[in-house]
Amino acid sequence: MPIQAQLIESQTGRCAYCNGSLVDQDIVWDHFEPFNYSYTNSRDNWVAACVKCNANKSDLILGSEGALEAFCLSMVKSHGSIAEGWPDGSTTAFRHLLGVSRG
């Protein structure tokens, strides 16, 4: 199975950052840890994201000081909430940040 299909399946068809549905949306394949910092294309560094979230995250390293707060603020500005679509209060990105397996 191609990596893109694996990511969509592991993320249950939802954006890694806002957890919104990726059905009928343009999907952006994003490096969770920006490539210009990590220089890795490993499968664990890729996530599927919606266009808004990918633009908001840009090259932020979410675990770095101040970056998560900046990202959350940009989420509120673009989505109206940092929890759009979060049925269980967690997304792929935040599970990754906390070191929790994709399941």
PDB file of N, CA and C in Angstrom:
ATOM      1  N   MET A   1       0.853  -1.178   0.000  1.00  0.00           N
ATOM      2  CA  MET A   1       0.000   0.000   0.000  1.00  0.00           C
ATOM      3  C   MET A   1       0.899   1.242   0.000  1.00  0.00           C
ATOM      4  N   PRO A   2       0.641   2.220  -0.873  1.00  0.00           N
ATOM      5  CA  PRO A   2       1.456   3.444  -0.902  1.00  0.00           C
ATOM      6  C   PRO A   2       1.398   4.204   0.425  1.00  0.00           C
ATOM      7  N   ILE A   3       2.472   4.926   0.725  1.00  0.00           N
ATOM      8  CA  ILE A   3       2.556   5.640   2.006  1.00  0.00           C
ATOM      9  C   ILE A   3       1.389   6.610   2.192  1.00  0.00           C
ATOM     10  N   GLN A   4       0.949   7.271   1.124  1.00  0.00           N
ATOM     11  CA  GLN A   4      -0.167   8.213   1.255  1.00  0.00           C
ATOM     12  C   GLN A   4      -1.428   7.498   1.725  1.00  0.00           C
ATOM     13  N   ALA A   5      -1.698   6.345   1.167  1.00  0.00           N
ATOM     14  CA  ALA A   5      -2.879   5.570   1.583  1.00  0.00           C
ATOM     15  C   ALA A   5      -2.725   5.099   3.030  1.00  0.00           C
ATOM     16  N   GLN A   6      -1.511   4.704   3.415  1.00  0.00           N
ATOM     17  CA  GLN A   6      -1.264   4.284   4.797  1.00  0.00           C
ATOM     18  C   GLN A   6      -1.514   5.432   5.772  1.00  0.00           C
ATOM     19  N   LEU A   7      -1.049   6.632   5.410  1.00  0.00           N
ATOM     20  CA  LEU A   7      -1.255   7.790   6.287  1.00  0.00           C
ATOM     21  C   LEU A   7      -2.731   8.114   6.439  1.00  0.00           C
ATOM     22  N   ILE A   8      -3.443   8.140   5.314  1.00  0.00           N
ATOM     23  CA  ILE A   8      -4.885   8.438   5.369  1.00  0.00           C
ATOM     24  C   ILE A   8      -5.586   7.403   6.241  1.00  0.00           C
ATOM     25  N   GLU A   9      -5.238   6.140   6.076  1.00  0.00           N
ATOM     26  CA  GLU A   9      -5.847   5.084   6.889  1.00  0.00           C
ATOM     27  C   GLU A   9      -5.502   5.244   8.367  1.00  0.00           C
ATOM     28  N   SER A  10      -4.217   5.485   8.679  1.00  0.00           N
ATOM     29  CA  SER A  10      -3.809   5.603  10.085  1.00  0.00           C
ATOM     30  C   SER A  10      -4.409   6.841  10.748  1.00  0.00           C
ATOM     31  N   GLN A  11      -4.715   7.860   9.943  1.00  0.00           N
ATOM     32  CA  GLN A  11      -5.314   9.092  10.463  1.00  0.00           C
ATOM     33  C   GLN A  11      -6.837   9.079  10.302  1.00  0.00           C
ATOM     34  N   THR A  12      -7.375   7.938   9.954  1.00  0.00           N
ATOM     35  CA  THR A  12      -8.819   7.746   9.736  1.00  0.00           C
ATOM     36  C   THR A  12      -9.429   8.850   8.863  1.00  0.00           C
ATOM     37  N   GLY A  13      -8.676   9.239   7.827  1.00  0.00           N
ATOM     38  CA  GLY A  13      -9.191  10.212   6.866  1.00  0.00           C
ATOM     39  C   GLY A  13      -9.305  11.629   7.396  1.00  0.00           C
ATOM     40  N   ARG A  14      -8.542  11.943   8.446  1.00  0.00           N
ATOM     41  CA  ARG A  14      -8.647  13.248   9.084  1.00  0.00           C
ATOM     42  C   ARG A  14      -7.302  13.975   9.075  1.00  0.00           C
ATOM     43  N   CYS A  15      -7.362  15.300   9.122  1.00  0.00           N
ATOM     44  CA  CYS A  15      -6.162  16.123   9.170  1.00  0.00           C
ATOM     45  C   CYS A  15      -5.389  15.836  10.462  1.00  0.00           C
ATOM     46  N   ALA A  16      -4.072  15.723  10.348  1.00  0.00           N
ATOM     47  CA  ALA A  16      -3.238  15.428  11.517  1.00  0.00           C
ATOM     48  C   ALA A  16      -3.258  16.541  12.550  1.00  0.00           C
ATOM     49  N   TYR A  17      -3.577  17.757  12.139  1.00  0.00           N
ATOM     50  CA  TYR A  17      -3.498  18.897  13.052  1.00  0.00           C
ATOM     51  C   TYR A  17      -4.852  19.328  13.621  1.00  0.00           C
ATOM     52  N   CYS A  18      -5.861  19.448  12.776  1.00  0.00           N
ATOM     53  CA  CYS A  18      -7.165  19.917  13.290  1.00  0.00           C
ATOM     54  C   CYS A  18      -8.177  18.781  13.434  1.00  0.00           C
ATOM     55  N   ASN A  19      -7.855  17.611  12.889  1.00  0.00           N
ATOM     56  CA  ASN A  19      -8.715  16.433  12.922  1.00  0.00           C
ATOM     57  C   ASN A  19      -9.968  16.591  12.067  1.00  0.00           C
ATOM     58  N   GLY A  20     -10.006  17.636  11.242  1.00  0.00           N
ATOM     59  CA  GLY A  20     -11.123  17.806  10.312  1.00  0.00           C
ATOM     60  C   GLY A  20     -11.043  16.762   9.203  1.00  0.00           C
ATOM     61  N   SER A  21     -12.157  16.449   8.616  1.00  0.00           N
ATOM     62  CA  SER A  21     -12.218  15.455   7.553  1.00  0.00           C
ATOM     63  C   SER A  21     -11.429  15.915   6.334  1.00  0.00           C
ATOM     64  N   LEU A  22     -10.708  14.980   5.733  1.00  0.00           N
ATOM     65  CA  LEU A  22      -9.972  15.272   4.505  1.00  0.00           C
ATOM     66  C   LEU A  22     -10.739  14.844   3.271  1.00  0.00           C
ATOM     67  N   VAL A  23     -11.951  14.330   3.466  1.00  0.00           N
ATOM     68  CA  VAL A  23     -12.784  13.926   2.341  1.00  0.00           C
ATOM     69  C   VAL A  23     -13.168  15.178   1.564  1.00  0.00           C
ATOM     70  N   ASP A  24     -13.041  15.120   0.252  1.00  0.00           N
ATOM     71  CA  ASP A  24     -13.382  16.228  -0.647  1.00  0.00           C
ATOM     72  C   ASP A  24     -12.563  17.485  -0.371  1.00  0.00           C
ATOM     73  N   GLN A  25     -11.347  17.337   0.142  1.00  0.00           N
ATOM     74  CA  GLN A  25     -10.437  18.455   0.357  1.00  0.00           C
ATOM     75  C   GLN A  25      -9.116  18.158  -0.325  1.00  0.00           C
ATOM     76  N   ASP A  26      -8.400  19.211  -0.655  1.00  0.00           N
ATOM     77  CA  ASP A  26      -7.031  19.017  -1.109  1.00  0.00           C
ATOM     78  C   ASP A  26      -6.217  18.563   0.093  1.00  0.00           C
ATOM     79  N   ILE A  27      -5.399  17.546  -0.111  1.00  0.00           N
ATOM     80  CA  ILE A  27      -4.571  17.006   0.962  1.00  0.00           C
ATOM     81  C   ILE A  27      -3.129  17.443   0.727  1.00  0.00           C
ATOM     82  N   VAL A  28      -2.485  17.896   1.777  1.00  0.00           N
ATOM     83  CA  VAL A  28      -1.088  18.281   1.719  1.00  0.00           C
ATOM     84  C   VAL A  28      -0.301  17.258   2.526  1.00  0.00           C
ATOM     85  N   TRP A  29       0.789  16.772   1.945  1.00  0.00           N
ATOM     86  CA  TRP A  29       1.648  15.807   2.633  1.00  0.00           C
ATOM     87  C   TRP A  29       2.737  16.604   3.328  1.00  0.00           C
ATOM     88  N   ASP A  30       2.698  16.623   4.646  1.00  0.00           N
ATOM     89  CA  ASP A  30       3.548  17.507   5.428  1.00  0.00           C
ATOM     90  C   ASP A  30       4.581  16.729   6.230  1.00  0.00           C
ATOM     91  N   HIS A  31       5.771  17.295   6.347  1.00  0.00           N
ATOM     92  CA  HIS A  31       6.767  16.774   7.283  1.00  0.00           C
ATOM     93  C   HIS A  31       6.374  17.289   8.667  1.00  0.00           C
ATOM     94  N   PHE A  32       6.102  16.384   9.609  1.00  0.00           N
ATOM     95  CA  PHE A  32       5.756  16.825  10.966  1.00  0.00           C
ATOM     96  C   PHE A  32       6.902  17.639  11.546  1.00  0.00           C
ATOM     97  N   GLU A  33       8.105  17.110  11.484  1.00  0.00           N
ATOM     98  CA  GLU A  33       9.304  17.881  11.822  1.00  0.00           C
ATOM     99  C   GLU A  33       9.811  18.424  10.493  1.00  0.00           C
ATOM    100  N   PRO A  34       9.828  19.732  10.320  1.00  0.00           N
ATOM    101  CA  PRO A  34      10.176  20.304   9.017  1.00  0.00           C
ATOM    102  C   PRO A  34      11.464  19.721   8.442  1.00  0.00           C
ATOM    103  N   PHE A  35      11.403  19.404   7.151  1.00  0.00           N
ATOM    104  CA  PHE A  35      12.538  18.783   6.479  1.00  0.00           C
ATOM    105  C   PHE A  35      13.804  19.631   6.584  1.00  0.00           C
ATOM    106  N   ASN A  36      13.649  20.962   6.525  1.00  0.00           N
ATOM    107  CA  ASN A  36      14.840  21.813   6.578  1.00  0.00           C
ATOM    108  C   ASN A  36      15.521  21.786   7.948  1.00  0.00           C
ATOM    109  N   TYR A  37      14.908  21.145   8.948  1.00  0.00           N
ATOM    110  CA  TYR A  37      15.534  20.952  10.259  1.00  0.00           C
ATOM    111  C   TYR A  37      15.939  19.499  10.477  1.00  0.00           C
ATOM    112  N   SER A  38      15.071  18.577  10.060  1.00  0.00           N
ATOM    113  CA  SER A  38      15.307  17.161  10.357  1.00  0.00           C
ATOM    114  C   SER A  38      16.000  16.406   9.228  1.00  0.00           C
ATOM    115  N   TYR A  39      15.838  16.876   8.003  1.00  0.00           N
ATOM    116  CA  TYR A  39      16.395  16.215   6.814  1.00  0.00           C
ATOM    117  C   TYR A  39      16.008  14.745   6.745  1.00  0.00           C
ATOM    118  N   THR A  40      14.800  14.432   7.207  1.00  0.00           N
ATOM    119  CA  THR A  40      14.347  13.044   7.138  1.00  0.00           C
ATOM    120  C   THR A  40      13.025  12.944   6.379  1.00  0.00           C
ATOM    121  N   ASN A  41      12.970  11.921   5.550  1.00  0.00           N
ATOM    122  CA  ASN A  41      11.746  11.602   4.828  1.00  0.00           C
ATOM    123  C   ASN A  41      11.164  10.284   5.338  1.00  0.00           C
ATOM    124  N   SER A  42      11.495   9.912   6.557  1.00  0.00           N
ATOM    125  CA  SER A  42      10.988   8.643   7.087  1.00  0.00           C
ATOM    126  C   SER A  42       9.472   8.701   7.219  1.00  0.00           C
ATOM    127  N   ARG A  43       8.842   7.562   7.143  1.00  0.00           N
ATOM    128  CA  ARG A  43       7.382   7.451   7.194  1.00  0.00           C
ATOM    129  C   ARG A  43       6.817   8.106   8.462  1.00  0.00           C
ATOM    130  N   ASP A  44       7.545   8.000   9.560  1.00  0.00           N
ATOM    131  CA  ASP A  44       7.065   8.561  10.820  1.00  0.00           C
ATOM    132  C   ASP A  44       7.099  10.087  10.843  1.00  0.00           C
ATOM    133  N   ASN A  45       7.722  10.696   9.856  1.00  0.00           N
ATOM    134  CA  ASN A  45       7.789  12.157   9.813  1.00  0.00           C
ATOM    135  C   ASN A  45       6.765  12.753   8.854  1.00  0.00           C
ATOM    136  N   TRP A  46       5.954  11.924   8.220  1.00  0.00           N
ATOM    137  CA  TRP A  46       4.937  12.411   7.287  1.00  0.00           C
ATOM    138  C   TRP A  46       3.552  12.372   7.919  1.00  0.00           C
ATOM    139  N   VAL A  47       2.765  13.408   7.640  1.00  0.00           N
ATOM    140  CA  VAL A  47       1.351  13.426   8.022  1.00  0.00           C
ATOM    141  C   VAL A  47       0.543  14.005   6.869  1.00  0.00           C
ATOM    142  N   ALA A  48      -0.725  13.655   6.837  1.00  0.00           N
ATOM    143  CA  ALA A  48      -1.661  14.251   5.883  1.00  0.00           C
ATOM    144  C   ALA A  48      -2.351  15.406   6.592  1.00  0.00           C
ATOM    145  N   ALA A  49      -2.401  16.544   5.923  1.00  0.00           N
ATOM    146  CA  ALA A  49      -2.978  17.744   6.539  1.00  0.00           C
ATOM    147  C   ALA A  49      -3.872  18.468   5.544  1.00  0.00           C
ATOM    148  N   CYS A  50      -4.774  19.274   6.081  1.00  0.00           N
ATOM    149  CA  CYS A  50      -5.567  20.146   5.219  1.00  0.00           C
ATOM    150  C   CYS A  50      -4.700  21.353   4.841  1.00  0.00           C
ATOM    151  N   VAL A  51      -5.093  22.044   3.809  1.00  0.00           N
ATOM    152  CA  VAL A  51      -4.303  23.168   3.300  1.00  0.00           C
ATOM    153  C   VAL A  51      -4.123  24.258   4.360  1.00  0.00           C
ATOM    154  N   LYS A  52      -5.191  24.578   5.093  1.00  0.00           N
ATOM    155  CA  LYS A  52      -5.103  25.631   6.120  1.00  0.00           C
ATOM    156  C   LYS A  52      -4.094  25.272   7.206  1.00  0.00           C
ATOM    157  N   CYS A  53      -4.155  24.056   7.692  1.00  0.00           N
ATOM    158  CA  CYS A  53      -3.250  23.652   8.769  1.00  0.00           C
ATOM    159  C   CYS A  53      -1.807  23.612   8.292  1.00  0.00           C
ATOM    160  N   ASN A  54      -1.595  23.103   7.075  1.00  0.00           N
ATOM    161  CA  ASN A  54      -0.233  23.073   6.555  1.00  0.00           C
ATOM    162  C   ASN A  54       0.334  24.484   6.432  1.00  0.00           C
ATOM    163  N   ALA A  55      -0.479  25.421   5.972  1.00  0.00           N
ATOM    164  CA  ALA A  55      -0.019  26.809   5.855  1.00  0.00           C
ATOM    165  C   ALA A  55       0.257  27.406   7.235  1.00  0.00           C
ATOM    166  N   ASN A  56      -0.593  27.093   8.205  1.00  0.00           N
ATOM    167  CA  ASN A  56      -0.403  27.621   9.562  1.00  0.00           C
ATOM    168  C   ASN A  56       0.832  27.035  10.234  1.00  0.00           C
ATOM    169  N   LYS A  57       1.077  25.757  10.035  1.00  0.00           N
ATOM    170  CA  LYS A  57       2.229  25.128  10.667  1.00  0.00           C
ATOM    171  C   LYS A  57       3.525  25.586  10.017  1.00  0.00           C
ATOM    172  N   SER A  58       3.519  25.713   8.703  1.00  0.00           N
ATOM    173  CA  SER A  58       4.687  26.161   7.955  1.00  0.00           C
ATOM    174  C   SER A  58       5.906  25.344   8.384  1.00  0.00           C
ATOM    175  N   ASP A  59       6.968  26.005   8.842  1.00  0.00           N
ATOM    176  CA  ASP A  59       8.163  25.262   9.240  1.00  0.00           C
ATOM    177  C   ASP A  59       8.363  25.257  10.755  1.00  0.00           C
ATOM    178  N   LEU A  60       7.243  25.388  11.494  1.00  0.00           N
ATOM    179  CA  LEU A  60       7.333  25.348  12.954  1.00  0.00           C
ATOM    180  C   LEU A  60       7.707  23.953  13.445  1.00  0.00           C
ATOM    181  N   ILE A  61       8.528  23.907  14.458  1.00  0.00           N
ATOM    182  CA  ILE A  61       8.780  22.663  15.187  1.00  0.00           C
ATOM    183  C   ILE A  61       7.890  22.755  16.419  1.00  0.00           C
ATOM    184  N   LEU A  62       6.797  22.010  16.422  1.00  0.00           N
ATOM    185  CA  LEU A  62       5.773  22.191  17.452  1.00  0.00           C
ATOM    186  C   LEU A  62       6.265  21.945  18.867  1.00  0.00           C
ATOM    187  N   GLY A  63       7.343  21.202  19.028  1.00  0.00           N
ATOM    188  CA  GLY A  63       7.883  20.955  20.355  1.00  0.00           C
ATOM    189  C   GLY A  63       8.826  22.044  20.848  1.00  0.00           C
ATOM    190  N   SER A  64       9.126  23.019  19.997  1.00  0.00           N
ATOM    191  CA  SER A  64      10.051  24.066  20.414  1.00  0.00           C
ATOM    192  C   SER A  64       9.322  25.171  21.179  1.00  0.00           C
ATOM    193  N   GLU A  65      10.053  25.891  21.989  1.00  0.00           N
ATOM    194  CA  GLU A  65       9.473  26.914  22.854  1.00  0.00           C
ATOM    195  C   GLU A  65       8.693  27.961  22.050  1.00  0.00           C
ATOM    196  N   GLY A  66       7.449  28.136  22.410  1.00  0.00           N
ATOM    197  CA  GLY A  66       6.602  29.146  21.791  1.00  0.00           C
ATOM    198  C   GLY A  66       5.918  28.715  20.509  1.00  0.00           C
ATOM    199  N   ALA A  67       6.405  27.652  19.866  1.00  0.00           N
ATOM    200  CA  ALA A  67       5.853  27.245  18.574  1.00  0.00           C
ATOM    201  C   ALA A  67       4.441  26.689  18.694  1.00  0.00           C
ATOM    202  N   LEU A  68       4.199  25.874  19.709  1.00  0.00           N
ATOM    203  CA  LEU A  68       2.873  25.288  19.869  1.00  0.00           C
ATOM    204  C   LEU A  68       1.843  26.377  20.130  1.00  0.00           C
ATOM    205  N   GLU A  69       2.191  27.344  20.948  1.00  0.00           N
ATOM    206  CA  GLU A  69       1.272  28.453  21.225  1.00  0.00           C
ATOM    207  C   GLU A  69       0.997  29.252  19.950  1.00  0.00           C
ATOM    208  N   ALA A  70       2.028  29.518  19.154  1.00  0.00           N
ATOM    209  CA  ALA A  70       1.858  30.250  17.902  1.00  0.00           C
ATOM    210  C   ALA A  70       0.975  29.470  16.937  1.00  0.00           C
ATOM    211  N   PHE A  71       1.185  28.157  16.877  1.00  0.00           N
ATOM    212  CA  PHE A  71       0.378  27.322  15.997  1.00  0.00           C
ATOM    213  C   PHE A  71      -1.077  27.310  16.447  1.00  0.00           C
ATOM    214  N   CYS A  72      -1.316  27.168  17.740  1.00  0.00           N
ATOM    215  CA  CYS A  72      -2.686  27.168  18.255  1.00  0.00           C
ATOM    216  C   CYS A  72      -3.393  28.488  17.958  1.00  0.00           C
ATOM    217  N   LEU A  73      -2.694  29.599  18.096  1.00  0.00           N
ATOM    218  CA  LEU A  73      -3.275  30.896  17.787  1.00  0.00           C
ATOM    219  C   LEU A  73      -3.632  30.977  16.305  1.00  0.00           C
ATOM    220  N   SER A  74      -2.749  30.489  15.440  1.00  0.00           N
ATOM    221  CA  SER A  74      -3.057  30.514  14.007  1.00  0.00           C
ATOM    222  C   SER A  74      -4.222  29.595  13.677  1.00  0.00           C
ATOM    223  N   MET A  75      -4.377  28.490  14.417  1.00  0.00           N
ATOM    224  CA  MET A  75      -5.519  27.587  14.216  1.00  0.00           C
ATOM    225  C   MET A  75      -6.825  28.297  14.555  1.00  0.00           C
ATOM    226  N   VAL A  76      -6.824  29.029  15.649  1.00  0.00           N
ATOM    227  CA  VAL A  76      -8.028  29.767  16.042  1.00  0.00           C
ATOM    228  C   VAL A  76      -8.379  30.787  14.953  1.00  0.00           C
ATOM    229  N   LYS A  77      -7.371  31.465  14.430  1.00  0.00           N
ATOM    230  CA  LYS A  77      -7.617  32.477  13.399  1.00  0.00           C
ATOM    231  C   LYS A  77      -8.144  31.860  12.109  1.00  0.00           C
ATOM    232  N   SER A  78      -7.641  30.709  11.708  1.00  0.00           N
ATOM    233  CA  SER A  78      -8.058  30.127  10.433  1.00  0.00           C
ATOM    234  C   SER A  78      -9.264  29.202  10.539  1.00  0.00           C
ATOM    235  N   HIS A  79      -9.383  28.483  11.645  1.00  0.00           N
ATOM    236  CA  HIS A  79     -10.463  27.507  11.801  1.00  0.00           C
ATOM    237  C   HIS A  79     -11.555  27.977  12.765  1.00  0.00           C
ATOM    238  N   GLY A  80     -11.273  28.997  13.549  1.00  0.00           N
ATOM    239  CA  GLY A  80     -12.238  29.438  14.552  1.00  0.00           C
ATOM    240  C   GLY A  80     -12.101  28.681  15.865  1.00  0.00           C
ATOM    241  N   SER A  81     -11.220  27.674  15.893  1.00  0.00           N
ATOM    242  CA  SER A  81     -11.049  26.840  17.075  1.00  0.00           C
ATOM    243  C   SER A  81      -9.757  26.048  16.912  1.00  0.00           C
ATOM    244  N   ILE A  82      -9.158  25.618  18.008  1.00  0.00           N
ATOM    245  CA  ILE A  82      -8.038  24.682  17.873  1.00  0.00           C
ATOM    246  C   ILE A  82      -8.542  23.251  17.973  1.00  0.00           C
ATOM    247  N   ALA A  83      -9.818  23.072  18.173  1.00  0.00           N
ATOM    248  CA  ALA A  83     -10.361  21.728  18.379  1.00  0.00           C
ATOM    249  C   ALA A  83     -11.391  21.348  17.328  1.00  0.00           C
ATOM    250  N   GLU A  84     -11.360  21.982  16.159  1.00  0.00           N
ATOM    251  CA  GLU A  84     -12.312  21.639  15.106  1.00  0.00           C
ATOM    252  C   GLU A  84     -12.188  20.162  14.766  1.00  0.00           C
ATOM    253  N   GLY A  85     -13.266  19.429  14.913  1.00  0.00           N
ATOM    254  CA  GLY A  85     -13.276  18.028  14.538  1.00  0.00           C
ATOM    255  C   GLY A  85     -12.622  17.073  15.516  1.00  0.00           C
ATOM    256  N   TRP A  86     -12.272  17.511  16.702  1.00  0.00           N
ATOM    257  CA  TRP A  86     -11.586  16.633  17.646  1.00  0.00           C
ATOM    258  C   TRP A  86     -12.597  15.832  18.465  1.00  0.00           C
ATOM    259  N   PRO A  87     -13.006  14.666  18.017  1.00  0.00           N
ATOM    260  CA  PRO A  87     -13.995  13.903  18.789  1.00  0.00           C
ATOM    261  C   PRO A  87     -13.458  13.432  20.132  1.00  0.00           C
ATOM    262  N   ASP A  88     -12.155  13.148  20.192  1.00  0.00           N
ATOM    263  CA  ASP A  88     -11.599  12.643  21.446  1.00  0.00           C
ATOM    264  C   ASP A  88     -10.574  13.598  22.038  1.00  0.00           C
ATOM    265  N   GLY A  89     -10.471  14.794  21.480  1.00  0.00           N
ATOM    266  CA  GLY A  89      -9.558  15.791  22.026  1.00  0.00           C
ATOM    267  C   GLY A  89      -8.101  15.614  21.657  1.00  0.00           C
ATOM    268  N   SER A  90      -7.803  14.715  20.719  1.00  0.00           N
ATOM    269  CA  SER A  90      -6.408  14.548  20.322  1.00  0.00           C
ATOM    270  C   SER A  90      -6.309  14.371  18.815  1.00  0.00           C
ATOM    271  N   THR A  91      -5.232  14.816  18.245  1.00  0.00           N
ATOM    272  CA  THR A  91      -4.983  14.628  16.825  1.00  0.00           C
ATOM    273  C   THR A  91      -3.668  13.903  16.662  1.00  0.00           C
ATOM    274  N   THR A  92      -3.401  13.469  15.456  1.00  0.00           N
ATOM    275  CA  THR A  92      -2.146  12.783  15.152  1.00  0.00           C
ATOM    276  C   THR A  92      -0.957  13.623  15.581  1.00  0.00           C
ATOM    277  N   ALA A  93      -0.995  14.915  15.283  1.00  0.00           N
ATOM    278  CA  ALA A  93       0.132  15.796  15.600  1.00  0.00           C
ATOM    279  C   ALA A  93       0.404  15.857  17.092  1.00  0.00           C
ATOM    280  N   PHE A  94      -0.636  15.994  17.872  1.00  0.00           N
ATOM    281  CA  PHE A  94      -0.426  16.127  19.308  1.00  0.00           C
ATOM    282  C   PHE A  94      -0.079  14.798  19.952  1.00  0.00           C
ATOM    283  N   ARG A  95      -0.584  13.684  19.411  1.00  0.00           N
ATOM    284  CA  ARG A  95      -0.153  12.372  19.910  1.00  0.00           C
ATOM    285  C   ARG A  95       1.330  12.174  19.591  1.00  0.00           C
ATOM    286  N   HIS A  96       1.746  12.597  18.389  1.00  0.00           N
ATOM    287  CA  HIS A  96       3.153  12.495  17.988  1.00  0.00           C
ATOM    288  C   HIS A  96       4.016  13.353  18.912  1.00  0.00           C
ATOM    289  N   LEU A  97       3.579  14.556  19.171  1.00  0.00           N
ATOM    290  CA  LEU A  97       4.313  15.485  20.044  1.00  0.00           C
ATOM    291  C   LEU A  97       4.487  14.899  21.441  1.00  0.00           C
ATOM    292  N   LEU A  98       3.478  14.185  21.905  1.00  0.00           N
ATOM    293  CA  LEU A  98       3.520  13.588  23.234  1.00  0.00           C
ATOM    294  C   LEU A  98       4.179  12.210  23.238  1.00  0.00           C
ATOM    295  N   GLY A  99       4.553  11.725  22.044  1.00  0.00           N
ATOM    296  CA  GLY A  99       5.224  10.435  21.948  1.00  0.00           C
ATOM    297  C   GLY A  99       4.284   9.255  22.023  1.00  0.00           C
ATOM    298  N   VAL A 100       3.011   9.456  21.688  1.00  0.00           N
ATOM    299  CA  VAL A 100       2.028   8.390  21.722  1.00  0.00           C
ATOM    300  C   VAL A 100       1.935   7.769  20.331  1.00  0.00           C
ATOM    301  N   SER A 101       1.884   6.468  20.245  1.00  0.00           N
ATOM    302  CA  SER A 101       1.833   5.748  18.980  1.00  0.00           C
ATOM    303  C   SER A 101       0.609   6.134  18.171  1.00  0.00           C
ATOM    304  N   ARG A 102       0.741   5.987  16.847  1.00  0.00           N
ATOM    305  CA  ARG A 102      -0.382   6.248  15.943  1.00  0.00           C
ATOM    306  C   ARG A 102      -1.481   5.217  16.121  1.00  0.00           C
ATOM    307  N   GLY A 103      -1.201   4.132  16.755  1.00  0.00           N
ATOM    308  CA  GLY A 103      -2.202   3.110  16.992  1.00  0.00           C
ATOM    309  C   GLY A 103      -2.373   2.296  15.816  1.00  0.00           C
TER     310      GLY A 103
END
